[in-house]
Amino acid sequence: MYGFVHYEVSVALNLDIDDLLVGLIAEIRESVKPNRPSFLDNVEASDESVSAEAEEEPSDFKAAIRRYSKRKREQMGGAVE
């Protein structure tokens, strides 16, 4: 319906719920990114650097995404870098 992958979450499946949440958040952010209006167009030059820093994702989130992707590739039998 919304274009997202369906995740079945169950204790019996022995899944790490945190990894599933990280993946879901990553998919949501990726799908919203092109549709997000650019508010920097109307901001003064002095405010641009502050706004750009506020938009950057924390490095721990990016690291969690990399770990999640690595685990998913391993589970699917793909080559891991």
Protein backbone atom coordinates (compact mmCIF):
# COMPACT_ATOMS: atom_id res chain seq x y z
CA MET A 1 0.00 0.00 0.00
CA TYR A 2 2.71 2.50 1.00
CA GLY A 3 5.58 0.91 -0.93
CA PHE A 4 7.45 -0.42 2.11
CA VAL A 5 8.71 -3.92 2.74
CA HIS A 6 6.51 -5.92 5.11
CA TYR A 7 8.29 -7.04 8.29
CA GLU A 8 6.75 -9.80 10.37
CA VAL A 9 7.88 -9.36 13.95
CA SER A 10 7.61 -12.28 16.33
CA VAL A 11 9.52 -13.67 19.29
CA ALA A 12 9.46 -17.04 17.54
CA LEU A 13 11.35 -15.57 14.57
CA ASN A 14 14.21 -14.54 16.89
CA LEU A 15 14.71 -11.20 15.17
CA ASP A 16 16.54 -8.20 16.56
CA ILE A 17 13.73 -5.64 16.74
CA ASP A 18 16.20 -2.74 16.99
CA ASP A 19 17.66 -3.64 13.59
CA LEU A 20 14.19 -3.80 12.07
CA LEU A 21 13.35 -0.38 13.49
CA VAL A 22 16.58 1.09 12.12
CA GLY A 23 15.78 -0.34 8.69
CA LEU A 24 12.24 0.99 8.77
CA ILE A 25 13.41 4.46 9.77
CA ALA A 26 16.01 4.40 6.99
CA GLU A 27 13.34 3.49 4.43
CA ILE A 28 11.05 6.26 5.67
CA ARG A 29 13.83 8.85 5.57
CA GLU A 30 14.84 7.77 2.07
CA SER A 31 11.26 7.94 0.77
CA VAL A 32 10.62 11.37 2.32
CA LYS A 33 13.94 12.94 1.28
CA PRO A 34 13.00 13.81 -2.35
CA ASN A 35 9.61 15.18 -1.29
CA ARG A 36 10.93 17.34 1.56
CA PRO A 37 10.74 21.04 0.66
CA SER A 38 14.04 22.85 0.66
CA PHE A 39 13.71 25.46 3.37
CA LEU A 40 17.29 26.65 2.82
CA ASP A 41 16.23 28.69 -0.22
CA ASN A 42 14.63 31.35 1.99
CA VAL A 43 17.27 31.36 4.73
CA GLU A 44 19.91 34.05 5.06
CA ALA A 45 23.53 33.07 4.35
CA SER A 46 24.48 33.20 8.03
CA ASP A 47 21.76 30.71 8.93
CA GLU A 48 22.59 28.26 6.12
CA SER A 49 25.51 26.61 7.91
CA VAL A 50 23.45 26.08 11.07
CA SER A 51 20.52 24.64 9.10
CA ALA A 52 22.77 22.33 7.10
CA GLU A 53 24.30 20.96 10.30
CA ALA A 54 20.83 20.36 11.73
CA GLU A 55 19.87 18.28 8.69
CA GLU A 56 22.88 15.95 8.95
CA GLU A 57 22.14 12.54 10.42
CA PRO A 58 24.06 11.51 13.53
CA SER A 59 27.01 9.24 12.80
CA ASP A 60 25.69 6.58 15.19
CA PHE A 61 22.53 6.30 13.08
CA LYS A 62 24.61 5.88 9.93
CA ALA A 63 26.72 3.23 11.67
CA ALA A 64 23.56 1.40 12.73
CA ILE A 65 22.32 1.44 9.13
CA ARG A 66 25.63 -0.02 7.93
CA ARG A 67 25.46 -2.79 10.56
CA TYR A 68 21.86 -3.52 9.63
CA SER A 69 22.68 -3.70 5.92
CA LYS A 70 25.64 -5.99 6.58
CA ARG A 71 23.49 -8.37 8.63
CA LYS A 72 20.78 -8.40 5.97
CA ARG A 73 23.31 -9.24 3.24
CA GLU A 74 24.73 -12.04 5.39
CA GLN A 75 21.25 -13.44 6.03
CA MET A 76 20.44 -13.37 2.32
CA GLY A 77 23.72 -15.08 1.43
CA GLY A 78 25.25 -12.08 -0.28
CA ALA A 79 28.90 -11.11 -0.19
CA VAL A 80 29.88 -8.82 2.67
CA GLU A 81 32.52 -6.14 2.16
